[in-house]
Amino acid sequence: MAIREENERLVLRFSRTPMLVGELEHWQDDTFVVRWRDRDLNADAFVTFSPKPDGTIGRMTMQAVSPSTDERLDFQDLTFVPVAQAKK
């Protein structure tokens, strides 16, 4: 999973699940909502970042916005941690 700026928007992309691409919209504090471009997914999610004391991101979690989210998209059971950033 990667988050990059595209056309002045933050975009979240899952490399192993190409249909999971969506824009991040700030919700509150350290939480955003990802709205998937494929609207048939019915799986928008809260994305919460946990910053470390130095201001970098320590981990990220996701939780479905709607209880009717397809249970096959079990991203709520995952904890994401940063990997080394690719060189530009």
PDB file of N, CA and C in Angstrom:
ATOM      1  N   MET A   1       0.845  -1.152   0.000  1.00  0.00           N
ATOM      2  CA  MET A   1       0.000   0.000   0.000  1.00  0.00           C
ATOM      3  C   MET A   1       0.894   1.218   0.000  1.00  0.00           C
ATOM      4  N   ALA A   2       0.495   2.215  -0.769  1.00  0.00           N
ATOM      5  CA  ALA A   2       1.259   3.461  -0.829  1.00  0.00           C
ATOM      6  C   ALA A   2       0.295   4.640  -0.857  1.00  0.00           C
ATOM      7  N   ILE A   3       0.758   5.735  -0.292  1.00  0.00           N
ATOM      8  CA  ILE A   3       0.008   6.990  -0.348  1.00  0.00           C
ATOM      9  C   ILE A   3       0.893   7.998  -1.043  1.00  0.00           C
ATOM     10  N   ARG A   4       0.349   8.606  -2.089  1.00  0.00           N
ATOM     11  CA  ARG A   4       1.104   9.595  -2.860  1.00  0.00           C
ATOM     12  C   ARG A   4       0.197  10.768  -3.196  1.00  0.00           C
ATOM     13  N   GLU A   5       0.823  11.893  -3.458  1.00  0.00           N
ATOM     14  CA  GLU A   5       0.064  13.054  -3.913  1.00  0.00           C
ATOM     15  C   GLU A   5      -0.108  12.954  -5.420  1.00  0.00           C
ATOM     16  N   GLU A   6      -1.350  13.075  -5.875  1.00  0.00           N
ATOM     17  CA  GLU A   6      -1.686  13.056  -7.298  1.00  0.00           C
ATOM     18  C   GLU A   6      -2.679  14.179  -7.554  1.00  0.00           C
ATOM     19  N   ASN A   7      -2.326  15.097  -8.430  1.00  0.00           N
ATOM     20  CA  ASN A   7      -3.216  16.214  -8.754  1.00  0.00           C
ATOM     21  C   ASN A   7      -3.704  16.934  -7.499  1.00  0.00           C
ATOM     22  N   GLU A   8      -2.764  17.184  -6.592  1.00  0.00           N
ATOM     23  CA  GLU A   8      -3.024  17.909  -5.352  1.00  0.00           C
ATOM     24  C   GLU A   8      -3.967  17.183  -4.393  1.00  0.00           C
ATOM     25  N   ARG A   9      -4.110  15.878  -4.547  1.00  0.00           N
ATOM     26  CA  ARG A   9      -4.924  15.044  -3.649  1.00  0.00           C
ATOM     27  C   ARG A   9      -4.054  13.894  -3.142  1.00  0.00           C
ATOM     28  N   LEU A  10      -4.325  13.441  -1.923  1.00  0.00           N
ATOM     29  CA  LEU A  10      -3.647  12.248  -1.418  1.00  0.00           C
ATOM     30  C   LEU A  10      -4.410  11.027  -1.903  1.00  0.00           C
ATOM     31  N   VAL A  11      -3.682  10.097  -2.521  1.00  0.00           N
ATOM     32  CA  VAL A  11      -4.307   8.902  -3.093  1.00  0.00           C
ATOM     33  C   VAL A  11      -3.675   7.669  -2.466  1.00  0.00           C
ATOM     34  N   LEU A  12      -4.528   6.782  -1.967  1.00  0.00           N
ATOM     35  CA  LEU A  12      -4.102   5.522  -1.377  1.00  0.00           C
ATOM     36  C   LEU A  12      -4.287   4.431  -2.428  1.00  0.00           C
ATOM     37  N   ARG A  13      -3.254   3.614  -2.644  1.00  0.00           N
ATOM     38  CA  ARG A  13      -3.295   2.516  -3.623  1.00  0.00           C
ATOM     39  C   ARG A  13      -2.757   1.236  -2.989  1.00  0.00           C
ATOM     40  N   PHE A  14      -3.485   0.160  -3.171  1.00  0.00           N
ATOM     41  CA  PHE A  14      -3.012  -1.156  -2.754  1.00  0.00           C
ATOM     42  C   PHE A  14      -2.382  -1.832  -3.963  1.00  0.00           C
ATOM     43  N   SER A  15      -1.128  -2.221  -3.850  1.00  0.00           N
ATOM     44  CA  SER A  15      -0.427  -2.824  -4.988  1.00  0.00           C
ATOM     45  C   SER A  15      -0.947  -4.225  -5.314  1.00  0.00           C
ATOM     46  N   ARG A  16      -1.408  -4.969  -4.334  1.00  0.00           N
ATOM     47  CA  ARG A  16      -1.869  -6.342  -4.584  1.00  0.00           C
ATOM     48  C   ARG A  16      -3.364  -6.429  -4.849  1.00  0.00           C
ATOM     49  N   THR A  17      -4.066  -5.324  -4.671  1.00  0.00           N
ATOM     50  CA  THR A  17      -5.503  -5.284  -4.950  1.00  0.00           C
ATOM     51  C   THR A  17      -5.754  -4.022  -5.775  1.00  0.00           C
ATOM     52  N   PRO A  18      -5.525  -4.086  -7.085  1.00  0.00           N
ATOM     53  CA  PRO A  18      -5.571  -2.897  -7.935  1.00  0.00           C
ATOM     54  C   PRO A  18      -6.886  -2.118  -7.894  1.00  0.00           C
ATOM     55  N   MET A  19      -7.994  -2.763  -7.545  1.00  0.00           N
ATOM     56  CA  MET A  19      -9.272  -2.030  -7.492  1.00  0.00           C
ATOM     57  C   MET A  19      -9.328  -1.096  -6.287  1.00  0.00           C
ATOM     58  N   LEU A  20      -8.461  -1.299  -5.284  1.00  0.00           N
ATOM     59  CA  LEU A  20      -8.460  -0.452  -4.102  1.00  0.00           C
ATOM     60  C   LEU A  20      -7.560   0.767  -4.324  1.00  0.00           C
ATOM     61  N   VAL A  21      -8.156   1.767  -4.949  1.00  0.00           N
ATOM     62  CA  VAL A  21      -7.510   3.054  -5.192  1.00  0.00           C
ATOM     63  C   VAL A  21      -8.528   4.114  -4.811  1.00  0.00           C
ATOM     64  N   GLY A  22      -8.114   5.039  -3.971  1.00  0.00           N
ATOM     65  CA  GLY A  22      -9.068   6.069  -3.576  1.00  0.00           C
ATOM     66  C   GLY A  22      -8.410   7.293  -2.987  1.00  0.00           C
ATOM     67  N   GLU A  23      -9.164   8.377  -2.975  1.00  0.00           N
ATOM     68  CA  GLU A  23      -8.695   9.634  -2.428  1.00  0.00           C
ATOM     69  C   GLU A  23      -8.923   9.668  -0.922  1.00  0.00           C
ATOM     70  N   LEU A  24      -7.963  10.247  -0.222  1.00  0.00           N
ATOM     71  CA  LEU A  24      -8.075  10.444   1.214  1.00  0.00           C
ATOM     72  C   LEU A  24      -8.629  11.835   1.481  1.00  0.00           C
ATOM     73  N   GLU A  25      -9.644  11.901   2.333  1.00  0.00           N
ATOM     74  CA  GLU A  25     -10.233  13.171   2.753  1.00  0.00           C
ATOM     75  C   GLU A  25     -10.078  13.267   4.266  1.00  0.00           C
ATOM     76  N   HIS A  26      -9.586  14.403   4.741  1.00  0.00           N
ATOM     77  CA  HIS A  26      -9.399  14.549   6.183  1.00  0.00           C
ATOM     78  C   HIS A  26     -10.744  14.454   6.897  1.00  0.00           C
ATOM     79  N   TRP A  27     -10.802  13.684   7.970  1.00  0.00           N
ATOM     80  CA  TRP A  27     -12.022  13.509   8.759  1.00  0.00           C
ATOM     81  C   TRP A  27     -11.900  14.319  10.056  1.00  0.00           C
ATOM     82  N   GLN A  28     -10.967  13.907  10.918  1.00  0.00           N
ATOM     83  CA  GLN A  28     -10.681  14.652  12.149  1.00  0.00           C
ATOM     84  C   GLN A  28      -9.366  14.150  12.729  1.00  0.00           C
ATOM     85  N   ASP A  29      -8.669  15.037  13.390  1.00  0.00           N
ATOM     86  CA  ASP A  29      -7.391  14.706  14.021  1.00  0.00           C
ATOM     87  C   ASP A  29      -6.488  13.938  13.052  1.00  0.00           C
ATOM     88  N   ASP A  30      -6.103  12.713  13.412  1.00  0.00           N
ATOM     89  CA  ASP A  30      -5.206  11.897  12.584  1.00  0.00           C
ATOM     90  C   ASP A  30      -5.965  10.892  11.728  1.00  0.00           C
ATOM     91  N   THR A  31      -7.247  11.120  11.513  1.00  0.00           N
ATOM     92  CA  THR A  31      -8.089  10.189  10.760  1.00  0.00           C
ATOM     93  C   THR A  31      -8.588  10.816   9.465  1.00  0.00           C
ATOM     94  N   PHE A  32      -8.537  10.012   8.414  1.00  0.00           N
ATOM     95  CA  PHE A  32      -9.029  10.384   7.094  1.00  0.00           C
ATOM     96  C   PHE A  32     -10.088   9.372   6.680  1.00  0.00           C
ATOM     97  N   VAL A  33     -10.823   9.670   5.623  1.00  0.00           N
ATOM     98  CA  VAL A  33     -11.719   8.704   5.003  1.00  0.00           C
ATOM     99  C   VAL A  33     -11.179   8.452   3.605  1.00  0.00           C
ATOM    100  N   VAL A  34     -11.029   7.177   3.260  1.00  0.00           N
ATOM    101  CA  VAL A  34     -10.667   6.853   1.880  1.00  0.00           C
ATOM    102  C   VAL A  34     -11.962   6.524   1.151  1.00  0.00           C
ATOM    103  N   ARG A  35     -12.169   7.204   0.042  1.00  0.00           N
ATOM    104  CA  ARG A  35     -13.345   6.970  -0.805  1.00  0.00           C
ATOM    105  C   ARG A  35     -12.831   6.317  -2.088  1.00  0.00           C
ATOM    106  N   TRP A  36     -13.135   5.034  -2.211  1.00  0.00           N
ATOM    107  CA  TRP A  36     -12.617   4.254  -3.337  1.00  0.00           C
ATOM    108  C   TRP A  36     -13.202   4.755  -4.645  1.00  0.00           C
ATOM    109  N   ARG A  37     -12.373   4.779  -5.657  1.00  0.00           N
ATOM    110  CA  ARG A  37     -12.822   5.219  -6.983  1.00  0.00           C
ATOM    111  C   ARG A  37     -13.858   4.269  -7.558  1.00  0.00           C
ATOM    112  N   ASP A  38     -13.696   2.987  -7.278  1.00  0.00           N
ATOM    113  CA  ASP A  38     -14.683   1.993  -7.712  1.00  0.00           C
ATOM    114  C   ASP A  38     -15.840   2.037  -6.711  1.00  0.00           C
ATOM    115  N   ARG A  39     -16.879   2.790  -7.021  1.00  0.00           N
ATOM    116  CA  ARG A  39     -17.991   3.009  -6.093  1.00  0.00           C
ATOM    117  C   ARG A  39     -18.829   1.751  -5.880  1.00  0.00           C
ATOM    118  N   ASP A  40     -18.670   0.727  -6.736  1.00  0.00           N
ATOM    119  CA  ASP A  40     -19.390  -0.532  -6.544  1.00  0.00           C
ATOM    120  C   ASP A  40     -18.869  -1.312  -5.332  1.00  0.00           C
ATOM    121  N   LEU A  41     -17.689  -0.940  -4.834  1.00  0.00           N
ATOM    122  CA  LEU A  41     -17.112  -1.665  -3.702  1.00  0.00           C
ATOM    123  C   LEU A  41     -17.910  -1.466  -2.407  1.00  0.00           C
ATOM    124  N   ASN A  42     -18.557  -0.321  -2.248  1.00  0.00           N
ATOM    125  CA  ASN A  42     -19.278  -0.019  -1.010  1.00  0.00           C
ATOM    126  C   ASN A  42     -18.384  -0.328   0.188  1.00  0.00           C
ATOM    127  N   ALA A  43     -17.164   0.235   0.185  1.00  0.00           N
ATOM    128  CA  ALA A  43     -16.193  -0.131   1.213  1.00  0.00           C
ATOM    129  C   ALA A  43     -15.351   1.052   1.688  1.00  0.00           C
ATOM    130  N   ASP A  44     -15.897   2.267   1.632  1.00  0.00           N
ATOM    131  CA  ASP A  44     -15.128   3.404   2.123  1.00  0.00           C
ATOM    132  C   ASP A  44     -14.682   3.105   3.548  1.00  0.00           C
ATOM    133  N   ALA A  45     -13.521   3.656   3.924  1.00  0.00           N
ATOM    134  CA  ALA A  45     -12.948   3.298   5.215  1.00  0.00           C
ATOM    135  C   ALA A  45     -12.318   4.499   5.904  1.00  0.00           C
ATOM    136  N   PHE A  46     -12.348   4.444   7.230  1.00  0.00           N
ATOM    137  CA  PHE A  46     -11.585   5.395   8.029  1.00  0.00           C
ATOM    138  C   PHE A  46     -10.137   4.918   8.041  1.00  0.00           C
ATOM    139  N   VAL A  47      -9.217   5.824   7.846  1.00  0.00           N
ATOM    140  CA  VAL A  47      -7.787   5.533   7.861  1.00  0.00           C
ATOM    141  C   VAL A  47      -7.192   6.386   8.977  1.00  0.00           C
ATOM    142  N   THR A  48      -6.648   5.730   9.993  1.00  0.00           N
ATOM    143  CA  THR A  48      -6.110   6.454  11.144  1.00  0.00           C
ATOM    144  C   THR A  48      -4.606   6.240  11.237  1.00  0.00           C
ATOM    145  N   PHE A  49      -3.890   7.345  11.318  1.00  0.00           N
ATOM    146  CA  PHE A  49      -2.437   7.327  11.431  1.00  0.00           C
ATOM    147  C   PHE A  49      -2.058   7.539  12.890  1.00  0.00           C
ATOM    148  N   SER A  50      -1.069   6.790  13.353  1.00  0.00           N
ATOM    149  CA  SER A  50      -0.547   6.939  14.713  1.00  0.00           C
ATOM    150  C   SER A  50       0.860   7.500  14.616  1.00  0.00           C
ATOM    151  N   PRO A  51       1.004   8.801  14.922  1.00  0.00           N
ATOM    152  CA  PRO A  51       2.334   9.405  14.823  1.00  0.00           C
ATOM    153  C   PRO A  51       3.228   9.015  15.993  1.00  0.00           C
ATOM    154  N   LYS A  52       4.524   8.992  15.716  1.00  0.00           N
ATOM    155  CA  LYS A  52       5.526   8.770  16.758  1.00  0.00           C
ATOM    156  C   LYS A  52       5.928  10.139  17.314  1.00  0.00           C
ATOM    157  N   PRO A  53       6.615  10.182  18.449  1.00  0.00           N
ATOM    158  CA  PRO A  53       7.007  11.465  19.038  1.00  0.00           C
ATOM    159  C   PRO A  53       7.796  12.377  18.097  1.00  0.00           C
ATOM    160  N   ASP A  54       8.541  11.790  17.146  1.00  0.00           N
ATOM    161  CA  ASP A  54       9.321  12.633  16.225  1.00  0.00           C
ATOM    162  C   ASP A  54       8.493  13.150  15.049  1.00  0.00           C
ATOM    163  N   GLY A  55       7.190  12.819  15.017  1.00  0.00           N
ATOM    164  CA  GLY A  55       6.309  13.319  13.959  1.00  0.00           C
ATOM    165  C   GLY A  55       6.149  12.385  12.777  1.00  0.00           C
ATOM    166  N   THR A  56       6.956  11.344  12.688  1.00  0.00           N
ATOM    167  CA  THR A  56       6.798  10.380  11.603  1.00  0.00           C
ATOM    168  C   THR A  56       5.649   9.434  11.950  1.00  0.00           C
ATOM    169  N   ILE A  57       5.203   8.675  10.971  1.00  0.00           N
ATOM    170  CA  ILE A  57       4.085   7.753  11.184  1.00  0.00           C
ATOM    171  C   ILE A  57       4.607   6.419  11.703  1.00  0.00           C
ATOM    172  N   GLY A  58       4.038   5.963  12.810  1.00  0.00           N
ATOM    173  CA  GLY A  58       4.426   4.682  13.394  1.00  0.00           C
ATOM    174  C   GLY A  58       3.607   3.524  12.848  1.00  0.00           C
ATOM    175  N   ARG A  59       2.307   3.787  12.614  1.00  0.00           N
ATOM    176  CA  ARG A  59       1.442   2.746  12.051  1.00  0.00           C
ATOM    177  C   ARG A  59       0.176   3.387  11.515  1.00  0.00           C
ATOM    178  N   MET A  60      -0.586   2.596  10.783  1.00  0.00           N
ATOM    179  CA  MET A  60      -1.846   3.042  10.211  1.00  0.00           C
ATOM    180  C   MET A  60      -2.833   1.887  10.327  1.00  0.00           C
ATOM    181  N   THR A  61      -4.074   2.209  10.673  1.00  0.00           N
ATOM    182  CA  THR A  61      -5.123   1.196  10.718  1.00  0.00           C
ATOM    183  C   THR A  61      -6.298   1.673   9.877  1.00  0.00           C
ATOM    184  N   MET A  62      -7.155   0.735   9.515  1.00  0.00           N
ATOM    185  CA  MET A  62      -8.341   1.053   8.722  1.00  0.00           C
ATOM    186  C   MET A  62      -9.557   0.397   9.358  1.00  0.00           C
ATOM    187  N   GLN A  63     -10.685   1.080   9.223  1.00  0.00           N
ATOM    188  CA  GLN A  63     -11.955   0.539   9.730  1.00  0.00           C
ATOM    189  C   GLN A  63     -13.048   0.939   8.745  1.00  0.00           C
ATOM    190  N   ALA A  64     -13.898   0.018   8.404  1.00  0.00           N
ATOM    191  CA  ALA A  64     -14.974   0.298   7.452  1.00  0.00           C
ATOM    192  C   ALA A  64     -15.886   1.402   7.967  1.00  0.00           C
ATOM    193  N   VAL A  65     -16.314   2.278   7.084  1.00  0.00           N
ATOM    194  CA  VAL A  65     -17.265   3.328   7.437  1.00  0.00           C
ATOM    195  C   VAL A  65     -18.642   2.718   7.659  1.00  0.00           C
ATOM    196  N   SER A  66     -19.021   1.789   6.805  1.00  0.00           N
ATOM    197  CA  SER A  66     -20.355   1.194   6.854  1.00  0.00           C
ATOM    198  C   SER A  66     -20.308  -0.251   7.358  1.00  0.00           C
ATOM    199  N   PRO A  67     -21.269  -0.654   8.175  1.00  0.00           N
ATOM    200  CA  PRO A  67     -21.321  -2.059   8.597  1.00  0.00           C
ATOM    201  C   PRO A  67     -21.661  -3.007   7.452  1.00  0.00           C
ATOM    202  N   SER A  68     -22.132  -2.476   6.321  1.00  0.00           N
ATOM    203  CA  SER A  68     -22.472  -3.336   5.184  1.00  0.00           C
ATOM    204  C   SER A  68     -21.299  -3.539   4.228  1.00  0.00           C
ATOM    205  N   THR A  69     -20.090  -3.140   4.645  1.00  0.00           N
ATOM    206  CA  THR A  69     -18.910  -3.338   3.805  1.00  0.00           C
ATOM    207  C   THR A  69     -18.686  -4.821   3.544  1.00  0.00           C
ATOM    208  N   ASP A  70     -18.333  -5.148   2.329  1.00  0.00           N
ATOM    209  CA  ASP A  70     -18.066  -6.534   1.932  1.00  0.00           C
ATOM    210  C   ASP A  70     -17.033  -7.144   2.875  1.00  0.00           C
ATOM    211  N   GLU A  71     -17.394  -8.225   3.547  1.00  0.00           N
ATOM    212  CA  GLU A  71     -16.509  -8.845   4.532  1.00  0.00           C
ATOM    213  C   GLU A  71     -15.244  -9.433   3.922  1.00  0.00           C
ATOM    214  N   ARG A  72     -15.215  -9.635   2.611  1.00  0.00           N
ATOM    215  CA  ARG A  72     -13.992 -10.128   1.965  1.00  0.00           C
ATOM    216  C   ARG A  72     -12.888  -9.076   2.003  1.00  0.00           C
ATOM    217  N   LEU A  73     -13.261  -7.809   2.150  1.00  0.00           N
ATOM    218  CA  LEU A  73     -12.287  -6.732   2.258  1.00  0.00           C
ATOM    219  C   LEU A  73     -11.989  -6.513   3.734  1.00  0.00           C
ATOM    220  N   ASP A  74     -11.165  -7.393   4.283  1.00  0.00           N
ATOM    221  CA  ASP A  74     -10.942  -7.404   5.725  1.00  0.00           C
ATOM    222  C   ASP A  74      -9.790  -6.510   6.167  1.00  0.00           C
ATOM    223  N   PHE A  75      -9.669  -5.331   5.554  1.00  0.00           N
ATOM    224  CA  PHE A  75      -8.580  -4.428   5.895  1.00  0.00           C
ATOM    225  C   PHE A  75      -8.635  -3.963   7.348  1.00  0.00           C
ATOM    226  N   GLN A  76      -9.801  -4.061   7.997  1.00  0.00           N
ATOM    227  CA  GLN A  76      -9.902  -3.643   9.386  1.00  0.00           C
ATOM    228  C   GLN A  76      -9.113  -4.544  10.322  1.00  0.00           C
ATOM    229  N   ASP A  77      -8.698  -5.707   9.855  1.00  0.00           N
ATOM    230  CA  ASP A  77      -7.917  -6.625  10.672  1.00  0.00           C
ATOM    231  C   ASP A  77      -6.413  -6.438  10.490  1.00  0.00           C
ATOM    232  N   LEU A  78      -6.017  -5.431   9.724  1.00  0.00           N
ATOM    233  CA  LEU A  78      -4.605  -5.221   9.415  1.00  0.00           C
ATOM    234  C   LEU A  78      -4.054  -3.998  10.132  1.00  0.00           C
ATOM    235  N   THR A  79      -2.775  -4.064  10.471  1.00  0.00           N
ATOM    236  CA  THR A  79      -2.043  -2.905  10.965  1.00  0.00           C
ATOM    237  C   THR A  79      -0.911  -2.665   9.985  1.00  0.00           C
ATOM    238  N   PHE A  80      -0.850  -1.476   9.443  1.00  0.00           N
ATOM    239  CA  PHE A  80       0.156  -1.120   8.449  1.00  0.00           C
ATOM    240  C   PHE A  80       1.288  -0.365   9.139  1.00  0.00           C
ATOM    241  N   VAL A  81       2.515  -0.731   8.798  1.00  0.00           N
ATOM    242  CA  VAL A  81       3.692  -0.026   9.325  1.00  0.00           C
ATOM    243  C   VAL A  81       4.520   0.450   8.142  1.00  0.00           C
ATOM    244  N   PRO A  82       5.224   1.573   8.305  1.00  0.00           N
ATOM    245  CA  PRO A  82       5.996   2.118   7.188  1.00  0.00           C
ATOM    246  C   PRO A  82       7.164   1.227   6.794  1.00  0.00           C
ATOM    247  N   VAL A  83       7.491   1.286   5.525  1.00  0.00           N
ATOM    248  CA  VAL A  83       8.711   0.678   5.003  1.00  0.00           C
ATOM    249  C   VAL A  83       9.555   1.817   4.454  1.00  0.00           C
ATOM    250  N   ALA A  84      10.779   1.557   4.142  1.00  0.00           N
ATOM    251  CA  ALA A  84      11.664   2.597   3.609  1.00  0.00           C
ATOM    252  C   ALA A  84      11.027   3.200   2.359  1.00  0.00           C
ATOM    253  N   GLN A  85      11.063   4.502   2.259  1.00  0.00           N
ATOM    254  CA  GLN A  85      10.486   5.174   1.099  1.00  0.00           C
ATOM    255  C   GLN A  85      11.371   4.960  -0.119  1.00  0.00           C
ATOM    256  N   ALA A  86      10.707   4.776  -1.252  1.00  0.00           N
ATOM    257  CA  ALA A  86      11.446   4.627  -2.500  1.00  0.00           C
ATOM    258  C   ALA A  86      12.117   5.945  -2.834  1.00  0.00           C
ATOM    259  N   LYS A  87      13.300   5.872  -3.409  1.00  0.00           N
ATOM    260  CA  LYS A  87      13.984   7.095  -3.817  1.00  0.00           C
ATOM    261  C   LYS A  87      13.295   7.692  -5.008  1.00  0.00           C
ATOM    262  N   LYS A  88      13.201   9.020  -5.010  1.00  0.00           N
ATOM    263  CA  LYS A  88      12.521   9.723  -6.102  1.00  0.00           C
ATOM    264  C   LYS A  88      13.430   9.923  -7.267  1.00  0.00           C
TER     265      LYS A  88
END
